[in-house]
Amino acid sequence: MGDGSASQHRTLVCIGDLVEDVVVWTPPAVRVGTDNPARIHRTRGGAAANVAVFASSLGTSARFIGRVGDDRAGTALVQDLLEAGVDARVQREGRTGTIVILVDAQGERTMYPDRAAAAQLTDVPHSWLSGADAIHLSAYSLAGPSLAVLRQASDFAHAEEAVLTIDASSIALIDSLGPAPFRDLIRTLRPTYVFANGIEAETGDLRDLACPGTTVVVKNGVEPTELHVDGRATATVQVPPVGDVRDTTGAGDAFAAAFISAVLAGADAVEAVEAGHRIAGRVLNAPGASLAQNGVVCD
């Protein structure tokens, strides 16, 4: 299902969460205190795992690093990654995380995460990072013991001259850490690219992260995507029409996967954004972090 923008010979390593998503498509009018008919879809979730799967679908060699529980759910999720062609390097302890995602009729999400084991990733062997041409980090791991792993990955990426990307992930996360501490943590990682949506960028003043060596990519839904370099906007890229939007879950992860895959194949930043737009648009009518093609959902 590739779109020609991916690299067949470069390796992307994604570090972060692998959880079960319980996606609930709620009715237009919710009645509190009684039954509401809904469509419920259980699928693999976790931003970093989603990026790895989407990248693999584009032909990029993808590896995932994270932690799941020592339980049936964890086993099933790891098997899902393997079947998607992802090289899964996981720690197993405790219980596997779950996120309940309520999606309204306009496609907007309200999420209830229980990260459980995913939040406890520690002590990653150097061999798990070996061979990476790009490393993608989820900002969810900035809080807690996983931060040490992100610092290790950053040091590795800079030593090996690999591309390093980080997704801002959540305005709730930015609020919990504080905008200034959040920005400082990202600065210490020295990413090549930072991904954020418009609300995240505003909440955390993330456009200020743009500096020599770091490009900030700000996604604005159907409005043009911004590229910020060295403290200024250098380009905006139009978003193609996508029609009706039913579920935005995973669209940002698909964008990141295609963007990084395009960069690894030699694309410039504008071309990489265009590649991200193409695949993100295919997620918006499928439940959870999955692709829809000709009416068929492809996990």
C-alpha atoms as a PDB file:
ATOM      1  CA  MET A   1       0.000   0.000   0.000  1.00  0.00           C
ATOM      2  CA  GLY A   2       2.971   2.315  -0.477  1.00  0.00           C
ATOM      3  CA  ASP A   3       2.709   5.639  -2.316  1.00  0.00           C
ATOM      4  CA  GLY A   4       6.218   5.687  -3.714  1.00  0.00           C
ATOM      5  CA  SER A   5       7.649   8.009  -1.074  1.00  0.00           C
ATOM      6  CA  ALA A   6       9.205   5.426   1.234  1.00  0.00           C
ATOM      7  CA  SER A   7      12.690   4.022   1.485  1.00  0.00           C
ATOM      8  CA  GLN A   8      13.129   0.293   1.004  1.00  0.00           C
ATOM      9  CA  HIS A   9      16.599   0.245   2.570  1.00  0.00           C
ATOM     10  CA  ARG A  10      16.524   2.639   5.528  1.00  0.00           C
ATOM     11  CA  THR A  11      15.504   1.783   9.087  1.00  0.00           C
ATOM     12  CA  LEU A  12      13.118   3.800  11.245  1.00  0.00           C
ATOM     13  CA  VAL A  13      13.086   3.031  14.987  1.00  0.00           C
ATOM     14  CA  CYS A  14       9.999   4.175  16.911  1.00  0.00           C
ATOM     15  CA  ILE A  15      10.138   4.417  20.708  1.00  0.00           C
ATOM     16  CA  GLY A  16       7.053   4.772  22.872  1.00  0.00           C
ATOM     17  CA  ASP A  17       3.698   3.182  23.589  1.00  0.00           C
ATOM     18  CA  LEU A  18       2.042  -0.012  22.398  1.00  0.00           C
ATOM     19  CA  VAL A  19      -1.446  -0.306  23.884  1.00  0.00           C
ATOM     20  CA  GLU A  20      -4.918  -1.551  23.057  1.00  0.00           C
ATOM     21  CA  ASP A  21      -7.246   1.119  21.697  1.00  0.00           C
ATOM     22  CA  VAL A  22     -10.961   0.748  22.392  1.00  0.00           C
ATOM     23  CA  VAL A  23     -12.469   3.151  19.872  1.00  0.00           C
ATOM     24  CA  VAL A  24     -16.097   4.097  20.466  1.00  0.00           C
ATOM     25  CA  TRP A  25     -17.958   5.890  17.685  1.00  0.00           C
ATOM     26  CA  THR A  26     -20.636   7.678  19.673  1.00  0.00           C
ATOM     27  CA  PRO A  27     -24.061   8.721  18.308  1.00  0.00           C
ATOM     28  CA  PRO A  28     -24.709  12.371  17.393  1.00  0.00           C
ATOM     29  CA  ALA A  29     -26.773  12.895  20.546  1.00  0.00           C
ATOM     30  CA  VAL A  30     -25.589  11.134  23.701  1.00  0.00           C
ATOM     31  CA  ARG A  31     -28.196  10.409  26.385  1.00  0.00           C
ATOM     32  CA  VAL A  32     -26.604  10.428  29.828  1.00  0.00           C
ATOM     33  CA  GLY A  33     -27.630   7.688  32.249  1.00  0.00           C
ATOM     34  CA  THR A  34     -28.966   5.213  29.691  1.00  0.00           C
ATOM     35  CA  ASP A  35     -27.960   3.108  26.671  1.00  0.00           C
ATOM     36  CA  ASN A  36     -26.481   4.752  23.577  1.00  0.00           C
ATOM     37  CA  PRO A  37     -26.001   2.734  20.378  1.00  0.00           C
ATOM     38  CA  ALA A  38     -22.357   2.822  19.289  1.00  0.00           C
ATOM     39  CA  ARG A  39     -19.811   1.179  17.044  1.00  0.00           C
ATOM     40  CA  ILE A  40     -16.882  -0.196  19.053  1.00  0.00           C
ATOM     41  CA  HIS A  41     -13.596  -1.182  17.464  1.00  0.00           C
ATOM     42  CA  ARG A  42     -10.670  -2.764  19.323  1.00  0.00           C
ATOM     43  CA  THR A  43      -7.306  -2.285  17.695  1.00  0.00           C
ATOM     44  CA  ARG A  44      -3.618  -1.762  18.231  1.00  0.00           C
ATOM     45  CA  GLY A  45      -2.817   1.689  19.545  1.00  0.00           C
ATOM     46  CA  GLY A  46       0.015   3.748  20.949  1.00  0.00           C
ATOM     47  CA  ALA A  47       1.467   6.597  18.920  1.00  0.00           C
ATOM     48  CA  ALA A  48       4.931   5.112  18.385  1.00  0.00           C
ATOM     49  CA  ALA A  49       3.560   1.684  17.461  1.00  0.00           C
ATOM     50  CA  ASN A  50       1.149   3.300  15.008  1.00  0.00           C
ATOM     51  CA  VAL A  51       3.988   5.195  13.317  1.00  0.00           C
ATOM     52  CA  ALA A  52       5.963   1.968  12.953  1.00  0.00           C
ATOM     53  CA  VAL A  53       3.021   0.137  11.370  1.00  0.00           C
ATOM     54  CA  PHE A  54       2.191   2.958   8.963  1.00  0.00           C
ATOM     55  CA  ALA A  55       5.863   3.275   7.968  1.00  0.00           C
ATOM     56  CA  SER A  56       6.067  -0.463   7.336  1.00  0.00           C
ATOM     57  CA  SER A  57       2.970  -0.251   5.115  1.00  0.00           C
ATOM     58  CA  LEU A  58       4.880   2.314   3.031  1.00  0.00           C
ATOM     59  CA  GLY A  59       7.854  -0.003   2.557  1.00  0.00           C
ATOM     60  CA  THR A  60      10.162   1.468   5.188  1.00  0.00           C
ATOM     61  CA  SER A  61      12.010  -0.950   7.462  1.00  0.00           C
ATOM     62  CA  ALA A  62      10.382  -0.230  10.832  1.00  0.00           C
ATOM     63  CA  ARG A  63      11.339  -1.243  14.362  1.00  0.00           C
ATOM     64  CA  PHE A  64       9.347  -0.611  17.522  1.00  0.00           C
ATOM     65  CA  ILE A  65      10.756  -0.329  21.052  1.00  0.00           C
ATOM     66  CA  GLY A  66       8.434  -0.296  24.044  1.00  0.00           C
ATOM     67  CA  ARG A  67       6.923  -2.188  26.965  1.00  0.00           C
ATOM     68  CA  VAL A  68       3.721  -4.213  27.262  1.00  0.00           C
ATOM     69  CA  GLY A  69       2.299  -6.346  30.034  1.00  0.00           C
ATOM     70  CA  ASP A  70       3.098  -9.984  30.600  1.00  0.00           C
ATOM     71  CA  ASP A  71      -0.435 -10.908  29.583  1.00  0.00           C
ATOM     72  CA  ARG A  72      -2.563 -12.045  26.646  1.00  0.00           C
ATOM     73  CA  ALA A  73      -3.226  -8.498  25.499  1.00  0.00           C
ATOM     74  CA  GLY A  74       0.496  -7.794  25.267  1.00  0.00           C
ATOM     75  CA  THR A  75       1.117 -11.002  23.341  1.00  0.00           C
ATOM     76  CA  ALA A  76      -1.646 -10.150  20.873  1.00  0.00           C
ATOM     77  CA  LEU A  77      -0.362  -6.623  20.318  1.00  0.00           C
ATOM     78  CA  VAL A  78       3.187  -7.769  19.674  1.00  0.00           C
ATOM     79  CA  GLN A  79       1.874 -10.355  17.223  1.00  0.00           C
ATOM     80  CA  ASP A  80      -0.044  -7.585  15.459  1.00  0.00           C
ATOM     81  CA  LEU A  81       3.198  -5.647  14.976  1.00  0.00           C
ATOM     82  CA  LEU A  82       5.004  -8.698  13.646  1.00  0.00           C
ATOM     83  CA  GLU A  83       2.208  -9.419  11.171  1.00  0.00           C
ATOM     84  CA  ALA A  84       2.456  -5.808   9.993  1.00  0.00           C
ATOM     85  CA  GLY A  85       6.148  -6.346   9.198  1.00  0.00           C
ATOM     86  CA  VAL A  86       7.481  -4.415  12.204  1.00  0.00           C
ATOM     87  CA  ASP A  87      10.560  -5.612  14.085  1.00  0.00           C
ATOM     88  CA  ALA A  88       9.166  -5.547  17.647  1.00  0.00           C
ATOM     89  CA  ARG A  89      11.633  -5.168  20.545  1.00  0.00           C
ATOM     90  CA  VAL A  90       9.527  -5.150  23.697  1.00  0.00           C
ATOM     91  CA  GLN A  91       9.923  -5.531  27.424  1.00  0.00           C
ATOM     92  CA  ARG A  92       7.219  -7.614  29.151  1.00  0.00           C
ATOM     93  CA  GLU A  93       6.108  -6.848  32.695  1.00  0.00           C
ATOM     94  CA  GLY A  94       2.923  -5.904  34.547  1.00  0.00           C
ATOM     95  CA  ARG A  95      -0.252  -5.277  32.565  1.00  0.00           C
ATOM     96  CA  THR A  96      -0.765  -3.920  29.084  1.00  0.00           C
ATOM     97  CA  GLY A  97      -2.079  -0.388  28.679  1.00  0.00           C
ATOM     98  CA  THR A  98      -5.460   0.522  27.257  1.00  0.00           C
ATOM     99  CA  ILE A  99      -6.904   3.743  25.854  1.00  0.00           C
ATOM    100  CA  VAL A 100     -10.644   4.292  25.536  1.00  0.00           C
ATOM    101  CA  ILE A 101     -11.294   6.773  22.736  1.00  0.00           C
ATOM    102  CA  LEU A 102     -14.705   8.377  22.345  1.00  0.00           C
ATOM    103  CA  VAL A 103     -15.157   9.742  18.822  1.00  0.00           C
ATOM    104  CA  ASP A 104     -18.063  12.084  18.160  1.00  0.00           C
ATOM    105  CA  ALA A 105     -19.957  12.475  14.900  1.00  0.00           C
ATOM    106  CA  GLN A 106     -17.484  15.158  13.709  1.00  0.00           C
ATOM    107  CA  GLY A 107     -14.511  12.843  14.241  1.00  0.00           C
ATOM    108  CA  GLU A 108     -13.189  14.641  17.318  1.00  0.00           C
ATOM    109  CA  ARG A 109     -11.711  12.439  20.050  1.00  0.00           C
ATOM    110  CA  THR A 110     -11.867  12.369  23.821  1.00  0.00           C
ATOM    111  CA  MET A 111      -9.318   9.939  25.241  1.00  0.00           C
ATOM    112  CA  TYR A 112      -9.058   8.071  28.538  1.00  0.00           C
ATOM    113  CA  PRO A 113      -5.537   6.569  28.661  1.00  0.00           C
ATOM    114  CA  ASP A 114      -4.336   3.937  31.116  1.00  0.00           C
ATOM    115  CA  ARG A 115      -0.754   3.519  29.867  1.00  0.00           C
ATOM    116  CA  ALA A 116       0.176   0.901  32.508  1.00  0.00           C
ATOM    117  CA  ALA A 117       3.330  -0.963  31.356  1.00  0.00           C
ATOM    118  CA  ALA A 118       3.868   1.389  28.404  1.00  0.00           C
ATOM    119  CA  ALA A 119       4.889   4.144  30.822  1.00  0.00           C
ATOM    120  CA  GLN A 120       7.639   2.033  32.410  1.00  0.00           C
ATOM    121  CA  LEU A 121      10.094   1.478  29.535  1.00  0.00           C
ATOM    122  CA  THR A 122      13.670   1.436  30.911  1.00  0.00           C
ATOM    123  CA  ASP A 123      17.214   0.226  30.171  1.00  0.00           C
ATOM    124  CA  VAL A 124      17.027  -0.353  26.423  1.00  0.00           C
ATOM    125  CA  PRO A 125      19.924  -2.434  25.057  1.00  0.00           C
ATOM    126  CA  HIS A 126      22.165  -0.518  22.661  1.00  0.00           C
ATOM    127  CA  SER A 127      21.549  -3.251  20.072  1.00  0.00           C
ATOM    128  CA  TRP A 128      17.881  -2.259  19.892  1.00  0.00           C
ATOM    129  CA  LEU A 129      18.912   1.124  18.474  1.00  0.00           C
ATOM    130  CA  SER A 130      21.651  -0.204  16.232  1.00  0.00           C
ATOM    131  CA  GLY A 131      21.256   0.439  12.523  1.00  0.00           C
ATOM    132  CA  ALA A 132      18.712   3.245  12.878  1.00  0.00           C
ATOM    133  CA  ASP A 133      18.690   5.814  10.077  1.00  0.00           C
ATOM    134  CA  ALA A 134      15.866   7.673  11.824  1.00  0.00           C
ATOM    135  CA  ILE A 135      14.509   7.522  15.366  1.00  0.00           C
ATOM    136  CA  HIS A 136      10.997   8.679  16.215  1.00  0.00           C
ATOM    137  CA  LEU A 137      10.043   9.525  19.795  1.00  0.00           C
ATOM    138  CA  SER A 138       6.640  10.071  21.359  1.00  0.00           C
ATOM    139  CA  ALA A 139       6.489  12.929  23.851  1.00  0.00           C
ATOM    140  CA  TYR A 140       4.291  10.788  26.106  1.00  0.00           C
ATOM    141  CA  SER A 141       7.573   9.208  27.237  1.00  0.00           C
ATOM    142  CA  LEU A 142       8.970  12.545  28.455  1.00  0.00           C
ATOM    143  CA  ALA A 143       7.229  11.891  31.770  1.00  0.00           C
ATOM    144  CA  GLY A 144       8.477   9.118  34.044  1.00  0.00           C
ATOM    145  CA  PRO A 145      11.290   6.573  33.744  1.00  0.00           C
ATOM    146  CA  SER A 146      11.095   6.406  29.941  1.00  0.00           C
ATOM    147  CA  LEU A 147      12.759   9.830  29.660  1.00  0.00           C
ATOM    148  CA  ALA A 148      16.134   8.155  30.217  1.00  0.00           C
ATOM    149  CA  VAL A 149      15.485   5.985  27.154  1.00  0.00           C
ATOM    150  CA  LEU A 150      14.670   9.059  25.060  1.00  0.00           C
ATOM    151  CA  ARG A 151      17.935  10.688  26.143  1.00  0.00           C
ATOM    152  CA  GLN A 152      19.802   7.497  25.210  1.00  0.00           C
ATOM    153  CA  ALA A 153      18.088   7.468  21.804  1.00  0.00           C
ATOM    154  CA  SER A 154      18.913  11.142  21.240  1.00  0.00           C
ATOM    155  CA  ASP A 155      22.586  10.578  22.042  1.00  0.00           C
ATOM    156  CA  PHE A 156      22.640   7.596  19.680  1.00  0.00           C
ATOM    157  CA  ALA A 157      20.941   9.516  16.861  1.00  0.00           C
ATOM    158  CA  HIS A 158      23.390  12.410  17.068  1.00  0.00           C
ATOM    159  CA  ALA A 159      26.411  10.109  17.295  1.00  0.00           C
ATOM    160  CA  GLU A 160      25.232   8.158  14.246  1.00  0.00           C
ATOM    161  CA  GLU A 161      23.964  11.229  12.337  1.00  0.00           C
ATOM    162  CA  ALA A 162      20.479   9.741  12.202  1.00  0.00           C
ATOM    163  CA  VAL A 163      17.305  11.785  11.750  1.00  0.00           C
ATOM    164  CA  LEU A 164      15.597  12.360  15.114  1.00  0.00           C
ATOM    165  CA  THR A 165      11.902  13.243  15.294  1.00  0.00           C
ATOM    166  CA  ILE A 166       9.543  13.819  18.194  1.00  0.00           C
ATOM    167  CA  ASP A 167       5.771  14.245  18.278  1.00  0.00           C
ATOM    168  CA  ALA A 168       4.321  16.656  20.844  1.00  0.00           C
ATOM    169  CA  SER A 169       1.463  14.161  21.343  1.00  0.00           C
ATOM    170  CA  SER A 170      -0.974  15.888  23.722  1.00  0.00           C
ATOM    171  CA  ILE A 171      -2.005  19.264  25.108  1.00  0.00           C
ATOM    172  CA  ALA A 172      -2.822  17.519  28.406  1.00  0.00           C
ATOM    173  CA  LEU A 173       0.795  16.336  28.558  1.00  0.00           C
ATOM    174  CA  ILE A 174       2.083  19.848  27.853  1.00  0.00           C
ATOM    175  CA  ASP A 175      -0.177  21.239  30.579  1.00  0.00           C
ATOM    176  CA  SER A 176       0.901  18.579  33.093  1.00  0.00           C
ATOM    177  CA  LEU A 177       4.614  19.242  32.600  1.00  0.00           C
ATOM    178  CA  GLY A 178       4.218  22.973  32.014  1.00  0.00           C
ATOM    179  CA  PRO A 179       4.884  24.622  28.623  1.00  0.00           C
ATOM    180  CA  ALA A 180       8.366  25.887  29.494  1.00  0.00           C
ATOM    181  CA  PRO A 181       9.633  22.603  31.032  1.00  0.00           C
ATOM    182  CA  PHE A 182       8.095  20.721  28.095  1.00  0.00           C
ATOM    183  CA  ARG A 183       9.979  22.871  25.585  1.00  0.00           C
ATOM    184  CA  ASP A 184      13.195  22.541  27.594  1.00  0.00           C
ATOM    185  CA  LEU A 185      12.932  18.739  27.593  1.00  0.00           C
ATOM    186  CA  ILE A 186      12.495  18.691  23.837  1.00  0.00           C
ATOM    187  CA  ARG A 187      15.412  21.091  23.355  1.00  0.00           C
ATOM    188  CA  THR A 188      17.713  18.777  25.307  1.00  0.00           C
ATOM    189  CA  LEU A 189      16.902  15.985  22.823  1.00  0.00           C
ATOM    190  CA  ARG A 190      17.929  18.196  19.850  1.00  0.00           C
ATOM    191  CA  PRO A 191      15.430  16.743  17.344  1.00  0.00           C
ATOM    192  CA  THR A 192      15.719  17.218  13.606  1.00  0.00           C
ATOM    193  CA  TYR A 193      11.946  17.591  13.300  1.00  0.00           C
ATOM    194  CA  VAL A 194       9.206  18.340  15.837  1.00  0.00           C
ATOM    195  CA  PHE A 195       5.600  17.474  14.929  1.00  0.00           C
ATOM    196  CA  ALA A 196       2.685  19.261  16.594  1.00  0.00           C
ATOM    197  CA  ASN A 197      -0.871  20.164  15.797  1.00  0.00           C
ATOM    198  CA  GLY A 198      -1.987  23.770  15.989  1.00  0.00           C
ATOM    199  CA  ILE A 199      -3.411  23.560  19.509  1.00  0.00           C
ATOM    200  CA  GLU A 200      -0.291  21.838  20.843  1.00  0.00           C
ATOM    201  CA  ALA A 201       1.915  24.416  19.151  1.00  0.00           C
ATOM    202  CA  GLU A 202      -0.059  27.277  20.710  1.00  0.00           C
ATOM    203  CA  THR A 203      -0.284  25.684  24.161  1.00  0.00           C
ATOM    204  CA  GLY A 204       3.416  24.994  24.407  1.00  0.00           C
ATOM    205  CA  ASP A 205       4.784  27.825  22.225  1.00  0.00           C
ATOM    206  CA  LEU A 206       6.380  25.028  20.227  1.00  0.00           C
ATOM    207  CA  ARG A 207       7.125  27.145  17.168  1.00  0.00           C
ATOM    208  CA  ASP A 208       9.850  28.660  19.362  1.00  0.00           C
ATOM    209  CA  LEU A 209      11.704  25.332  19.164  1.00  0.00           C
ATOM    210  CA  ALA A 210      12.648  26.075  15.558  1.00  0.00           C
ATOM    211  CA  CYS A 211      16.374  26.736  15.388  1.00  0.00           C
ATOM    212  CA  PRO A 212      19.358  25.732  13.261  1.00  0.00           C
ATOM    213  CA  GLY A 213      19.097  21.959  12.997  1.00  0.00           C
ATOM    214  CA  THR A 214      15.469  21.734  14.172  1.00  0.00           C
ATOM    215  CA  THR A 215      12.407  22.198  11.954  1.00  0.00           C
ATOM    216  CA  VAL A 216       8.965  22.478  13.569  1.00  0.00           C
ATOM    217  CA  VAL A 217       6.063  21.059  11.550  1.00  0.00           C
ATOM    218  CA  VAL A 218       2.676  22.418  12.657  1.00  0.00           C
ATOM    219  CA  LYS A 219      -0.445  20.667  11.355  1.00  0.00           C
ATOM    220  CA  ASN A 220      -3.685  22.658  11.295  1.00  0.00           C
ATOM    221  CA  GLY A 221      -6.354  20.169  10.228  1.00  0.00           C
ATOM    222  CA  VAL A 222      -7.715  21.213   6.843  1.00  0.00           C
ATOM    223  CA  GLU A 223      -5.748  24.487   6.952  1.00  0.00           C
ATOM    224  CA  PRO A 224      -2.199  24.658   5.529  1.00  0.00           C
ATOM    225  CA  THR A 225       0.612  22.903   7.381  1.00  0.00           C
ATOM    226  CA  GLU A 226       3.410  25.204   8.571  1.00  0.00           C
ATOM    227  CA  LEU A 227       7.156  24.631   8.369  1.00  0.00           C
ATOM    228  CA  HIS A 228       9.191  26.680  10.857  1.00  0.00           C
ATOM    229  CA  VAL A 229      12.977  26.883  10.621  1.00  0.00           C
ATOM    230  CA  ASP A 230      15.261  29.022  12.792  1.00  0.00           C
ATOM    231  CA  GLY A 231      12.400  30.866  14.456  1.00  0.00           C
ATOM    232  CA  ARG A 232      10.448  31.784  11.327  1.00  0.00           C
ATOM    233  CA  ALA A 233       7.867  30.256   9.021  1.00  0.00           C
ATOM    234  CA  THR A 234       9.587  29.207   5.808  1.00  0.00           C
ATOM    235  CA  ALA A 235       6.713  27.485   4.018  1.00  0.00           C
ATOM    236  CA  THR A 236       3.059  26.539   4.212  1.00  0.00           C
ATOM    237  CA  VAL A 237       1.719  23.455   2.460  1.00  0.00           C
ATOM    238  CA  GLN A 238      -1.908  23.156   1.389  1.00  0.00           C
ATOM    239  CA  VAL A 239      -3.904  20.155   2.620  1.00  0.00           C
ATOM    240  CA  PRO A 240      -5.759  18.268  -0.138  1.00  0.00           C
ATOM    241  CA  PRO A 241      -9.539  17.950   0.265  1.00  0.00           C
ATOM    242  CA  VAL A 242     -10.445  14.852   2.298  1.00  0.00           C
ATOM    243  CA  GLY A 243     -14.258  14.851   2.259  1.00  0.00           C
ATOM    244  CA  ASP A 244     -16.137  13.721   5.343  1.00  0.00           C
ATOM    245  CA  VAL A 245     -14.086  13.092   8.491  1.00  0.00           C
ATOM    246  CA  ARG A 246     -15.341  10.341  10.794  1.00  0.00           C
ATOM    247  CA  ASP A 247     -12.344   9.562  13.023  1.00  0.00           C
ATOM    248  CA  THR A 248      -9.089  11.512  13.399  1.00  0.00           C
ATOM    249  CA  THR A 249      -7.454   8.795  15.534  1.00  0.00           C
ATOM    250  CA  GLY A 250      -4.026   7.925  14.131  1.00  0.00           C
ATOM    251  CA  ALA A 251      -3.989  10.597  11.419  1.00  0.00           C
ATOM    252  CA  GLY A 252      -1.046  12.385  13.033  1.00  0.00           C
ATOM    253  CA  ASP A 253       0.837   9.108  13.391  1.00  0.00           C
ATOM    254  CA  ALA A 254       0.238   8.311   9.718  1.00  0.00           C
ATOM    255  CA  PHE A 255       1.485  11.786   8.793  1.00  0.00           C
ATOM    256  CA  ALA A 256       4.676  11.288  10.815  1.00  0.00           C
ATOM    257  CA  ALA A 257       5.306   7.863   9.274  1.00  0.00           C
ATOM    258  CA  ALA A 258       4.970   9.131   5.722  1.00  0.00           C
ATOM    259  CA  PHE A 259       6.951  12.311   6.433  1.00  0.00           C
ATOM    260  CA  ILE A 260       9.893  10.380   7.908  1.00  0.00           C
ATOM    261  CA  SER A 261       9.751   7.730   5.176  1.00  0.00           C
ATOM    262  CA  ALA A 262       9.868  10.462   2.537  1.00  0.00           C
ATOM    263  CA  VAL A 263      12.836  12.175   4.238  1.00  0.00           C
ATOM    264  CA  LEU A 264      14.702   8.863   4.339  1.00  0.00           C
ATOM    265  CA  ALA A 265      14.054   8.521   0.606  1.00  0.00           C
ATOM    266  CA  GLY A 266      15.625  11.939  -0.035  1.00  0.00           C
ATOM    267  CA  ALA A 267      12.585  14.230  -0.046  1.00  0.00           C
ATOM    268  CA  ASP A 268      12.788  17.816   1.139  1.00  0.00           C
ATOM    269  CA  ALA A 269      10.517  19.052   3.934  1.00  0.00           C
ATOM    270  CA  VAL A 270       7.730  20.295   1.643  1.00  0.00           C
ATOM    271  CA  GLU A 271       7.663  17.009  -0.260  1.00  0.00           C
ATOM    272  CA  ALA A 272       7.642  15.133   3.035  1.00  0.00           C
ATOM    273  CA  VAL A 273       4.638  17.154   4.256  1.00  0.00           C
ATOM    274  CA  GLU A 274       2.814  16.353   1.019  1.00  0.00           C
ATOM    275  CA  ALA A 275       3.517  12.649   1.563  1.00  0.00           C
ATOM    276  CA  GLY A 276       2.196  12.977   5.107  1.00  0.00           C
ATOM    277  CA  HIS A 277      -1.004  14.609   3.887  1.00  0.00           C
ATOM    278  CA  ARG A 278      -1.652  11.797   1.408  1.00  0.00           C
ATOM    279  CA  ILE A 279      -1.608   8.975   3.926  1.00  0.00           C
ATOM    280  CA  ALA A 280      -3.234  10.941   6.769  1.00  0.00           C
ATOM    281  CA  GLY A 281      -6.241  11.551   4.562  1.00  0.00           C
ATOM    282  CA  ARG A 282      -6.773   7.791   4.260  1.00  0.00           C
ATOM    283  CA  VAL A 283      -7.098   7.392   8.042  1.00  0.00           C
ATOM    284  CA  LEU A 284      -9.935   9.848   8.567  1.00  0.00           C
ATOM    285  CA  ASN A 285     -12.794   7.515   7.609  1.00  0.00           C
ATOM    286  CA  ALA A 286     -11.514   4.384   9.351  1.00  0.00           C
ATOM    287  CA  PRO A 287     -11.936   3.516  13.041  1.00  0.00           C
ATOM    288  CA  GLY A 288      -8.763   3.957  15.056  1.00  0.00           C
ATOM    289  CA  ALA A 289      -5.253   4.028  13.594  1.00  0.00           C
ATOM    290  CA  SER A 290      -6.055   2.153  10.406  1.00  0.00           C
ATOM    291  CA  LEU A 291      -6.170   2.921   6.700  1.00  0.00           C
ATOM    292  CA  ALA A 292      -9.300   2.977   4.558  1.00  0.00           C
ATOM    293  CA  GLN A 293      -8.898   2.176   0.884  1.00  0.00           C
ATOM    294  CA  ASN A 294     -11.828   1.786  -1.480  1.00  0.00           C
ATOM    295  CA  GLY A 295     -14.142   1.322   1.472  1.00  0.00           C
ATOM    296  CA  VAL A 296     -11.990  -1.390   3.046  1.00  0.00           C
ATOM    297  CA  VAL A 297     -10.320  -0.881   6.416  1.00  0.00           C
ATOM    298  CA  CYS A 298      -6.696  -2.005   6.433  1.00  0.00           C
ATOM    299  CA  ASP A 299      -5.030  -2.173   9.859  1.00  0.00           C
END
